[in-house]
Amino acid sequence: MNKKGITIIELLVSMTIISLVMIFLARLMFMLMNVTNDTTYASDDEIRRTTIIKNIENDFLKNKLNGLDITKTNHETTINLNYAKESSTLKITSKELTYNNTTYPLESKNATYDLCPIYSYLELDPNYYLVTITIPVLINNENTTLNDDLTFSYLSAKTNSDNYPKNYVCSK
């Protein structure tokens, strides 16, 4: 009865507990690797969104935006930006934006662009107006934070050549 040693049952129980801990640690390491990749993609997407906003707003100022048209289909939304001497097109799909023939993919795993941009035309007084276009970024099909959205603004004096939709509602 006083023999010191390990029984087979004790050995099997110890091996089972060690196996469960190892499986838990392996899953935790895999999840951490995915979180790191998602964070990297989210950071890259943020840089891309900042670049897009800068390029479009620079064009607004340089070329003088004087109108726009928004067209939505089932798979993409097109915003034609009309400038004084030319025009540009911004195409939105769920995973990428294309502006001036440059495509900006969205690489975050659960992120997509909403195909219904938020548009507003605000008359500030009889001589000035503000146009704002926001393209929501959805995480798991929900707009969880406004920080990820792309927002373009243009403030200008009114002219006779301005052609903006006064009331725009996107149909989902």
Protein backbone atom coordinates (compact mmCIF):
# COMPACT_ATOMS: atom_id res chain seq x y z
CA MET A 1 0.00 0.00 0.00
CA ASN A 2 2.80 2.45 0.71
CA LYS A 3 4.40 2.03 -2.72
CA LYS A 4 5.36 5.38 -4.22
CA GLY A 5 4.75 5.82 -7.97
CA ILE A 6 2.31 6.88 -10.67
CA THR A 7 -0.63 4.83 -11.80
CA ILE A 8 -1.66 4.62 -15.44
CA ILE A 9 -4.87 6.51 -14.64
CA GLU A 10 -2.91 9.43 -13.18
CA LEU A 11 -0.64 9.43 -16.22
CA LEU A 12 -3.61 9.47 -18.65
CA VAL A 13 -5.34 12.29 -16.74
CA SER A 14 -2.12 14.35 -16.75
CA MET A 15 -1.62 13.80 -20.49
CA THR A 16 -5.24 14.78 -21.19
CA ILE A 17 -4.91 18.02 -19.20
CA ILE A 18 -1.61 18.89 -20.92
CA SER A 19 -3.18 18.17 -24.33
CA LEU A 20 -6.14 20.45 -23.60
CA VAL A 21 -3.82 23.26 -22.47
CA MET A 22 -1.70 22.84 -25.64
CA ILE A 23 -4.81 22.96 -27.88
CA PHE A 24 -6.00 26.11 -26.08
CA LEU A 25 -2.58 27.77 -26.51
CA ALA A 26 -2.42 26.83 -30.21
CA ARG A 27 -5.87 28.33 -30.83
CA LEU A 28 -4.90 31.46 -28.91
CA MET A 29 -1.73 31.88 -31.02
CA PHE A 30 -3.75 31.44 -34.22
CA MET A 31 -6.29 34.05 -33.09
CA LEU A 32 -3.50 36.50 -32.20
CA MET A 33 -1.96 36.04 -35.65
CA ASN A 34 -5.35 36.82 -37.24
CA VAL A 35 -5.81 39.91 -35.06
CA THR A 36 -2.36 41.14 -36.09
CA ASN A 37 -3.20 40.63 -39.77
CA ASP A 38 -6.58 42.37 -39.39
CA THR A 39 -4.91 45.30 -37.61
CA THR A 40 -2.34 45.60 -40.39
CA TYR A 41 -5.07 45.51 -43.04
CA ALA A 42 -7.15 48.05 -41.10
CA SER A 43 -4.14 50.36 -40.87
CA ASP A 44 -3.45 49.97 -44.61
CA ASP A 45 -7.13 50.67 -45.35
CA GLU A 46 -7.02 53.81 -43.21
CA ILE A 47 -4.00 55.10 -45.15
CA ARG A 48 -5.78 54.29 -48.43
CA ARG A 49 -8.95 56.11 -47.33
CA THR A 50 -6.93 59.17 -46.31
CA THR A 51 -5.22 59.17 -49.72
CA ILE A 52 -8.58 58.96 -51.52
CA ILE A 53 -10.04 61.84 -49.48
CA LYS A 54 -6.96 63.99 -50.11
CA ASN A 55 -6.99 63.30 -53.88
CA ILE A 56 -10.69 64.00 -54.31
CA GLU A 57 -10.77 67.14 -52.16
CA ASN A 58 -7.66 68.47 -53.96
CA ASP A 59 -9.49 67.96 -57.26
CA PHE A 60 -12.55 69.75 -55.83
CA LEU A 61 -10.44 72.81 -55.07
CA LYS A 62 -8.11 72.72 -58.08
CA ASN A 63 -10.75 72.04 -60.73
CA LYS A 64 -13.76 73.77 -59.07
CA LEU A 65 -16.53 71.26 -58.54
CA ASN A 66 -19.77 72.58 -60.03
CA GLY A 67 -22.04 69.55 -60.01
CA LEU A 68 -22.41 65.82 -59.55
CA ASP A 69 -24.63 62.86 -60.37
CA ILE A 70 -25.07 59.72 -58.26
CA THR A 71 -26.18 56.47 -59.90
CA LYS A 72 -26.65 53.18 -57.99
CA THR A 73 -27.04 49.68 -59.38
CA ASN A 74 -27.17 46.39 -57.47
CA HIS A 75 -23.38 45.96 -57.42
CA GLU A 76 -21.90 49.47 -57.60
CA THR A 77 -22.52 53.15 -57.13
CA THR A 78 -21.09 55.73 -59.51
CA ILE A 79 -20.59 59.37 -58.59
CA ASN A 80 -19.82 61.58 -61.58
CA LEU A 81 -18.02 64.69 -60.39
CA ASN A 82 -18.44 67.57 -62.84
CA TYR A 83 -15.75 70.22 -62.79
CA ALA A 84 -15.56 73.49 -64.70
CA LYS A 85 -13.53 71.98 -67.58
CA GLU A 86 -13.66 68.21 -67.11
CA SER A 87 -15.24 65.43 -65.07
CA SER A 88 -14.10 62.49 -62.94
CA THR A 89 -15.78 59.30 -61.84
CA LEU A 90 -15.78 57.69 -58.41
CA LYS A 91 -16.98 54.07 -58.52
CA ILE A 92 -17.87 52.28 -55.32
CA THR A 93 -18.20 48.52 -54.98
CA SER A 94 -18.43 46.63 -51.72
CA LYS A 95 -14.67 45.91 -51.63
CA GLU A 96 -13.04 48.78 -53.56
CA LEU A 97 -13.18 52.37 -54.73
CA THR A 98 -11.95 53.52 -58.13
CA TYR A 99 -11.13 57.16 -58.76
CA ASN A 100 -9.36 58.53 -61.86
CA ASN A 101 -8.53 54.98 -63.00
CA THR A 102 -6.82 54.15 -59.69
CA THR A 103 -8.36 51.35 -57.67
CA TYR A 104 -8.15 51.34 -53.89
CA PRO A 105 -9.07 47.88 -52.52
CA LEU A 106 -10.47 47.38 -49.06
CA GLU A 107 -8.49 44.56 -47.46
CA SER A 108 -9.87 44.29 -43.94
CA LYS A 109 -11.56 40.94 -43.48
CA ASN A 110 -15.07 41.99 -42.45
CA ALA A 111 -15.10 45.50 -43.90
CA THR A 112 -17.14 46.62 -46.92
CA TYR A 113 -18.21 49.92 -48.42
CA ASP A 114 -21.88 50.78 -48.24
CA LEU A 115 -23.25 51.27 -51.75
CA CYS A 116 -25.56 54.02 -50.47
CA PRO A 117 -23.47 57.14 -49.96
CA ILE A 118 -24.88 59.87 -47.75
CA TYR A 119 -25.19 63.09 -49.73
CA SER A 120 -26.22 66.54 -48.58
CA TYR A 121 -26.50 69.92 -50.27
CA LEU A 122 -26.78 72.75 -47.77
CA GLU A 123 -27.42 76.37 -48.70
CA LEU A 124 -25.49 78.40 -46.17
CA ASP A 125 -26.89 81.73 -47.35
CA PRO A 126 -28.04 83.14 -50.71
CA ASN A 127 -24.46 83.11 -52.04
CA TYR A 128 -22.75 80.00 -50.60
CA TYR A 129 -23.39 76.28 -50.36
CA LEU A 130 -21.79 73.20 -48.81
CA VAL A 131 -21.80 69.78 -50.48
CA THR A 132 -20.95 66.73 -48.39
CA ILE A 133 -20.61 63.12 -49.56
CA THR A 134 -20.02 60.34 -47.02
CA ILE A 135 -19.26 56.75 -48.01
CA PRO A 136 -19.87 54.56 -44.95
CA VAL A 137 -17.51 51.70 -44.15
CA LEU A 138 -19.37 48.73 -42.74
CA ILE A 139 -17.92 46.13 -40.38
CA ASN A 140 -19.96 42.93 -40.55
CA ASN A 141 -22.61 44.92 -42.47
CA GLU A 142 -22.97 47.53 -39.69
CA ASN A 143 -21.65 51.07 -39.54
CA THR A 144 -19.96 50.72 -36.16
CA THR A 145 -17.97 53.95 -36.19
CA LEU A 146 -17.99 57.14 -38.20
CA ASN A 147 -14.18 57.31 -37.98
CA ASP A 148 -13.80 54.79 -40.82
CA ASP A 149 -16.21 56.54 -43.21
CA LEU A 150 -14.93 58.57 -46.15
CA THR A 151 -16.28 62.12 -46.09
CA PHE A 152 -15.72 64.68 -48.84
CA SER A 153 -16.78 68.30 -48.40
CA TYR A 154 -16.87 71.21 -50.79
CA LEU A 155 -17.74 74.80 -49.88
CA SER A 156 -18.20 77.33 -52.69
CA ALA A 157 -19.96 80.43 -53.90
CA LYS A 158 -23.03 79.79 -56.04
CA THR A 159 -22.81 80.20 -59.81
CA ASN A 160 -25.31 79.74 -62.64
CA SER A 161 -23.47 76.61 -63.84
CA ASP A 162 -23.89 74.69 -60.55
CA ASN A 163 -25.79 71.43 -60.97
CA TYR A 164 -26.25 69.46 -57.74
CA PRO A 165 -29.10 67.20 -56.69
CA LYS A 166 -31.01 69.07 -54.00
CA ASN A 167 -32.68 65.98 -52.52
CA TYR A 168 -30.96 62.63 -52.90
CA VAL A 169 -32.17 59.41 -51.27
CA CYS A 170 -30.41 56.12 -51.95
CA SER A 171 -32.62 53.06 -52.25
CA LYS A 172 -31.15 50.01 -50.60
